[in-house]
Each structure stands twice: as structure tokens, then as C-alpha cells.
């Protein structure tokens, strides 16, 4: 069964995933301390969120003494790629070239943005052994 997109998670679930990604791994207290919320959510609230994220396949855990240390099961980049693919499927009929064309037509792209896009394309071509 495919895991939900990061966009399908609730606000606190997303923030919790971001905290775990930033930490690399963390206990309930470490994740709670990492969240930038005033007042911070209750310890039991974060525990519940971490358990739900684990049940949904976003996290795993290992025992360390009396605590569990939670680890992401996929990277932030992997989650972003999945979200992007779903967006392209939904908004551009699954055609990444339609999305890219629309992006290039955007008047808010600066010369620096275009230069960076060109650099990334050139880098991808070199990586895959393509030229021109």
C-alpha cells in the first residue's frame, strides 16, 4: 500500500516529520524540543503523533534504554519527490514537460533562476553521460 503524501498529513504531523528529518532521529522529548511552538505540545501529544506516523509507515523506531528513538523511513527528498509526482499527475496530466513549460513562462523567474535551471540540466546531462 502506498504511503500518503506529506501534503496529506496534518499540520502537527508535518512539523513532527520535519523535526525528525532535521534531527536525523530522535526521542519524543528531542522531537518535542525541536518543534517551534509556543506553548509546546504535550509530551503525550507528540508521542501519539510519532506512533501514528510510525503506523502510517513514515517512521520506525528502536529501543534505547527505556526510550524509543524514532527514525524516518524515507528522506525529505523522497517525500518531496513523491509529492511532486502526485502534483504533476494531478495538475499536468502526468506530463512533467507541461509543468516545466509553465514554469519557464512564469514572469517571476529571474535571470539567476534561469541560469540555475540551466546549470541543473547540464549537471543532469553530465551525470547521465548525455551531451547537447
Protein backbone atom coordinates (compact mmCIF):
# COMPACT_ATOMS: atom_id res chain seq x y z
CA UNK A 1 0.00 0.00 0.00
CA UNK A 2 1.40 3.40 -0.98
CA UNK A 3 2.17 5.79 1.82
CA UNK A 4 0.35 9.10 1.96
CA UNK A 5 1.94 12.18 0.51
CA UNK A 6 3.48 14.59 3.01
CA UNK A 7 0.76 17.04 1.94
CA UNK A 8 -1.88 14.64 3.24
CA UNK A 9 -0.51 14.80 6.79
CA UNK A 10 -1.90 17.16 9.38
CA UNK A 11 -0.02 20.30 10.40
CA UNK A 12 1.45 18.80 13.58
CA UNK A 13 2.33 15.58 11.75
CA UNK A 14 4.22 17.56 9.08
CA UNK A 15 6.02 19.61 11.71
CA UNK A 16 6.92 16.41 13.55
CA UNK A 17 8.31 14.82 10.39
CA UNK A 18 10.34 17.98 9.71
CA UNK A 19 11.72 17.79 13.25
CA UNK A 20 12.70 14.13 12.85
CA UNK A 21 14.32 14.87 9.47
CA UNK A 22 16.24 17.80 10.98
CA UNK A 23 17.42 15.66 13.89
CA UNK A 24 18.09 12.56 11.79
CA UNK A 25 16.49 10.55 14.59
CA UNK A 26 15.04 11.47 17.93
CA UNK A 27 13.22 10.60 21.11
CA UNK A 28 9.83 12.04 21.91
CA UNK A 29 11.44 14.72 24.07
CA UNK A 30 14.02 15.63 21.40
CA UNK A 31 11.30 15.98 18.78
CA UNK A 32 9.13 17.99 21.17
CA UNK A 33 12.07 20.31 21.95
CA UNK A 34 12.75 20.75 18.23
CA UNK A 35 9.20 21.89 17.43
CA UNK A 36 8.96 25.67 17.28
CA UNK A 37 5.64 26.07 19.08
CA UNK A 38 4.57 28.22 21.97
CA UNK A 39 3.35 26.61 24.08
CA UNK A 40 4.96 23.32 23.09
CA UNK A 41 2.57 20.40 22.60
CA UNK A 42 2.26 17.96 25.49
CA UNK A 43 4.72 15.08 25.61
CA UNK A 44 1.83 12.62 25.19
CA UNK A 45 0.60 14.51 22.11
CA UNK A 46 3.99 14.17 20.40
CA UNK A 47 4.19 10.51 21.45
CA UNK A 48 0.80 9.92 19.86
CA UNK A 49 1.81 11.73 16.65
CA UNK A 50 5.04 9.72 16.41
CA UNK A 51 3.15 6.47 16.95
CA UNK A 52 0.61 7.38 14.25
CA UNK A 53 3.40 8.33 11.83
CA UNK A 54 5.07 5.01 12.54
CA UNK A 55 1.83 3.10 11.96
CA UNK A 56 1.40 5.00 8.65
CA UNK A 57 4.90 3.97 7.55
CA UNK A 58 6.65 7.32 7.90
CA UNK A 59 8.79 6.32 10.88
CA UNK A 60 10.33 3.31 12.54
CA UNK A 61 11.86 3.08 16.00
CA UNK A 62 14.49 1.31 18.01
CA UNK A 63 14.66 0.89 21.77
CA UNK A 64 17.43 2.75 23.53
CA UNK A 65 17.26 2.10 27.23
CA UNK A 66 13.74 2.95 28.34
CA UNK A 67 13.13 5.28 25.40
CA UNK A 68 12.27 4.79 21.77
CA UNK A 69 14.32 6.58 19.16
CA UNK A 70 12.26 7.38 16.05
CA UNK A 71 13.83 7.31 12.59
CA UNK A 72 12.36 8.35 9.24
CA UNK A 73 11.72 5.53 6.80
CA UNK A 74 12.29 7.84 3.84
CA UNK A 75 14.19 11.04 3.35
CA UNK A 76 12.76 14.52 2.99
CA UNK A 77 13.83 14.39 -0.69
CA UNK A 78 12.00 11.10 -1.25
CA UNK A 79 8.85 12.53 0.33
CA UNK A 80 9.18 15.67 -1.80
CA UNK A 81 9.64 13.64 -4.97
CA UNK A 82 6.51 11.66 -4.20
CA UNK A 83 4.56 14.87 -3.59
CA UNK A 84 5.89 16.42 -6.80
CA UNK A 85 4.96 13.33 -8.83
CA UNK A 86 1.40 13.41 -7.45
CA UNK A 87 1.16 17.13 -8.21
CA UNK A 88 2.35 16.60 -11.80
CA UNK A 89 -0.13 13.76 -12.22
CA UNK A 90 -2.99 15.87 -10.88
CA UNK A 91 -2.21 19.31 -12.35
CA UNK A 92 -0.38 18.48 -15.59
CA UNK A 93 -1.96 15.18 -16.67
CA UNK A 94 1.22 13.36 -15.65
CA UNK A 95 3.39 15.30 -18.13
CA UNK A 96 6.44 16.89 -16.47
CA UNK A 97 7.19 18.84 -19.68
CA UNK A 98 3.88 20.68 -19.35
CA UNK A 99 4.84 21.68 -15.83
CA UNK A 100 8.32 22.73 -16.92
CA UNK A 101 6.98 24.81 -19.82
CA UNK A 102 4.57 26.56 -17.48
CA UNK A 103 7.39 27.24 -15.05
CA UNK A 104 9.55 28.75 -17.79
CA UNK A 105 6.67 31.02 -18.87
CA UNK A 106 6.48 32.45 -15.33
CA UNK A 107 7.41 36.13 -15.43
CA UNK A 108 8.75 35.95 -11.88
CA UNK A 109 11.72 33.75 -12.84
CA UNK A 110 14.88 35.85 -12.65
CA UNK A 111 17.93 35.56 -14.86
CA UNK A 112 19.63 33.90 -11.88
CA UNK A 113 16.80 31.36 -11.61
CA UNK A 114 17.11 30.54 -15.32
CA UNK A 115 20.89 30.21 -15.03
CA UNK A 116 20.46 27.81 -12.09
CA UNK A 117 17.91 25.75 -14.02
CA UNK A 118 20.34 25.55 -16.95
CA UNK A 119 23.15 24.53 -14.59
CA UNK A 120 20.99 21.77 -13.10
CA UNK A 121 20.05 20.47 -16.56
CA UNK A 122 23.70 20.48 -17.64
CA UNK A 123 24.66 18.66 -14.43
CA UNK A 124 21.97 16.03 -15.03
CA UNK A 125 23.15 15.51 -18.60
CA UNK A 126 26.76 15.05 -17.48
CA UNK A 127 25.69 12.62 -14.78
CA UNK A 128 23.80 10.53 -17.31
CA UNK A 129 26.50 10.79 -19.95
CA UNK A 130 24.42 12.90 -22.33
CA UNK A 131 25.70 15.94 -24.17
CA UNK A 132 23.94 18.69 -26.13
